N, C-alpha and C. Protein backbone atom coordinates (compact mmCIF):
# COMPACT_ATOMS: atom_id res chain seq x y z
N UNK A 1 110.39 84.52 102.11
CA UNK A 1 110.51 84.91 100.46
C UNK A 1 109.90 85.73 100.07
N UNK A 2 110.42 86.34 99.49
CA UNK A 2 109.64 88.13 99.07
C UNK A 2 109.38 87.46 97.37
N UNK A 3 108.11 88.02 97.37
CA UNK A 3 107.58 87.35 95.86
C UNK A 3 108.18 88.83 95.03
N UNK A 4 108.61 88.90 94.49
CA UNK A 4 109.05 90.08 93.18
C UNK A 4 108.25 90.75 92.51
N UNK A 5 107.82 91.77 92.68
CA UNK A 5 106.87 92.56 92.02
C UNK A 5 106.88 94.18 92.04
N UNK A 6 107.28 94.32 90.90
CA UNK A 6 107.87 96.08 90.92
C UNK A 6 106.82 96.92 90.75
N UNK A 7 107.53 97.48 91.28
CA UNK A 7 106.13 99.09 91.65
C UNK A 7 105.16 99.42 90.88
N UNK A 8 105.01 99.45 89.81
CA UNK A 8 103.81 99.43 88.20
C UNK A 8 103.18 98.40 88.86
N UNK A 9 103.38 97.19 88.84
CA UNK A 9 102.33 95.87 89.21
C UNK A 9 101.82 95.94 90.43
N UNK A 10 102.67 96.66 91.62
CA UNK A 10 101.63 96.87 92.89
C UNK A 10 101.05 98.00 92.67
N UNK A 11 101.56 98.82 92.11
CA UNK A 11 100.37 99.83 91.42
C UNK A 11 99.42 99.59 91.04
N UNK A 12 99.21 98.85 89.58
CA UNK A 12 97.71 98.62 88.98
C UNK A 12 97.13 97.80 90.22
N UNK A 13 97.46 96.73 90.71
CA UNK A 13 96.79 96.02 91.87
C UNK A 13 96.29 96.58 92.55
N UNK A 14 97.15 97.55 93.25
CA UNK A 14 96.73 98.18 94.08
C UNK A 14 95.18 99.28 93.75
N UNK A 15 95.69 99.56 92.45
CA UNK A 15 93.96 100.75 91.67
C UNK A 15 93.09 99.32 91.20
N UNK A 16 93.54 98.07 91.55
CA UNK A 16 92.05 97.57 90.97
C UNK A 16 91.27 96.78 92.47
N UNK A 17 92.30 96.75 93.31
CA UNK A 17 91.90 95.87 94.44
C UNK A 17 91.51 97.01 95.83
N UNK A 18 91.68 97.73 96.11
CA UNK A 18 91.60 98.90 96.95
C UNK A 18 90.19 99.66 96.74
N UNK A 19 89.80 99.80 95.48
CA UNK A 19 88.72 100.86 95.34
C UNK A 19 87.40 99.54 95.16
N UNK A 20 87.63 98.26 95.07
CA UNK A 20 86.71 97.22 95.25
C UNK A 20 86.62 96.55 96.61
N UNK A 21 87.65 96.66 97.11
CA UNK A 21 88.04 96.09 98.52
C UNK A 21 86.84 97.34 99.80
N UNK A 22 87.32 98.53 99.44
CA UNK A 22 86.68 99.60 99.63
C UNK A 22 85.89 100.63 98.82
N UNK A 23 84.44 100.41 98.38
CA UNK A 23 84.14 101.40 97.40
C UNK A 23 83.78 102.11 97.71
N UNK A 24 83.38 103.81 97.02
CA UNK A 24 83.29 105.00 97.28
C UNK A 24 82.81 105.00 95.81
N UNK A 25 81.96 103.94 94.94
CA UNK A 25 81.43 104.58 93.66
C UNK A 25 82.11 103.07 92.49
N UNK A 26 82.64 103.52 91.40
CA UNK A 26 82.91 101.90 90.58
C UNK A 26 84.14 101.37 91.21
N UNK A 27 84.87 100.62 91.23
CA UNK A 27 86.19 100.16 91.24
C UNK A 27 86.85 100.21 90.80
N UNK A 28 86.42 100.82 89.28
CA UNK A 28 87.76 101.56 88.68
C UNK A 28 86.95 102.69 87.84
N UNK A 29 86.77 103.49 88.62
CA UNK A 29 86.07 104.99 88.01
C UNK A 29 87.05 105.32 87.08
N UNK A 30 88.25 105.35 87.04
CA UNK A 30 89.21 106.00 85.39
C UNK A 30 89.40 105.46 84.25
N UNK A 31 88.78 104.20 84.36
CA UNK A 31 88.77 103.37 82.74
C UNK A 31 87.93 102.07 83.27
N UNK A 32 87.65 101.27 81.80
CA UNK A 32 87.40 100.78 81.91
C UNK A 32 88.05 99.37 81.81
N UNK A 33 88.27 98.54 82.17
CA UNK A 33 89.45 97.66 81.74
C UNK A 33 89.74 96.77 81.06
N UNK A 34 90.84 96.48 80.14
CA UNK A 34 90.50 95.95 78.76
C UNK A 34 91.06 94.86 78.94
N UNK A 35 90.68 93.51 78.28
CA UNK A 35 91.66 92.19 78.53
C UNK A 35 92.96 92.11 78.62
N UNK A 36 93.64 93.04 78.05
CA UNK A 36 94.99 92.86 78.44
C UNK A 36 95.23 93.20 80.03
N UNK A 37 94.61 94.33 80.49
CA UNK A 37 94.65 94.92 81.30
C UNK A 37 94.73 93.47 82.30
N UNK A 38 93.27 93.03 82.34
CA UNK A 38 92.78 91.53 82.79
C UNK A 38 93.83 90.44 82.96
N UNK A 39 94.76 90.63 82.01
CA UNK A 39 94.77 89.33 81.45
C UNK A 39 96.55 89.48 82.35
N UNK A 40 96.86 90.58 82.48
CA UNK A 40 98.22 91.50 83.25
C UNK A 40 98.04 91.12 84.50
N UNK A 41 96.68 91.58 85.32
CA UNK A 41 96.32 91.20 86.43
C UNK A 41 96.47 89.68 86.79
N UNK A 42 95.79 88.70 86.18
CA UNK A 42 95.76 87.51 86.38
C UNK A 42 97.08 87.03 86.62
N UNK A 43 97.86 87.22 85.83
CA UNK A 43 99.64 87.30 85.08
C UNK A 43 100.06 87.39 86.68
N UNK A 44 100.25 88.50 87.60
CA UNK A 44 100.82 88.71 88.66
C UNK A 44 100.43 87.69 89.84
N UNK A 45 98.59 87.50 89.46
CA UNK A 45 98.07 86.87 90.31
C UNK A 45 99.03 85.56 90.68
N UNK A 46 99.09 85.10 89.68
CA UNK A 46 99.61 83.95 89.31
C UNK A 46 100.69 83.52 90.02
N UNK A 47 102.18 84.66 89.16
CA UNK A 47 102.83 84.27 90.24
C UNK A 47 102.68 84.79 91.51
N UNK A 48 102.31 85.44 92.16
CA UNK A 48 102.41 85.36 93.66
C UNK A 48 101.75 83.89 94.06
N UNK A 49 100.81 83.89 93.54
CA UNK A 49 100.23 82.29 94.42
C UNK A 49 101.96 81.76 94.39
N UNK A 50 102.36 81.49 92.25
CA UNK A 50 103.37 80.70 92.44
C UNK A 50 104.32 80.82 93.80
N UNK A 51 104.79 81.74 94.18
CA UNK A 51 105.74 81.88 95.11
C UNK A 51 105.80 81.47 96.57
N UNK A 52 103.89 82.03 96.85
CA UNK A 52 103.43 81.29 98.37
C UNK A 52 102.99 80.28 98.12
N UNK A 53 102.92 79.17 97.26
CA UNK A 53 102.21 78.16 97.27
C UNK A 53 102.86 77.19 98.13
N UNK A 54 104.33 77.29 97.64
CA UNK A 54 104.97 76.49 99.24
C UNK A 54 105.34 76.58 100.47
N UNK A 55 105.20 78.39 100.69
CA UNK A 55 104.79 78.32 102.49
C UNK A 55 104.03 78.26 102.86
N UNK A 56 102.28 77.44 102.18
CA UNK A 56 101.44 77.27 103.31
C UNK A 56 101.50 75.93 102.52
N UNK A 57 101.79 75.13 101.55
CA UNK A 57 101.48 73.99 101.47
C UNK A 57 102.29 72.86 102.23
């Protein structure tokens, strides 16, 4: 069962996750995340968790 994320959502998550996993400096060197950006990332994460939960329970 694929998780439906559009390209923009994947790029947003990559822009946060990859630099924080493999830091060469700040996790977000180009901008400081706003509450809206953080809430959007959390919303995407909740969708992913909701999609995979039935597969791992």
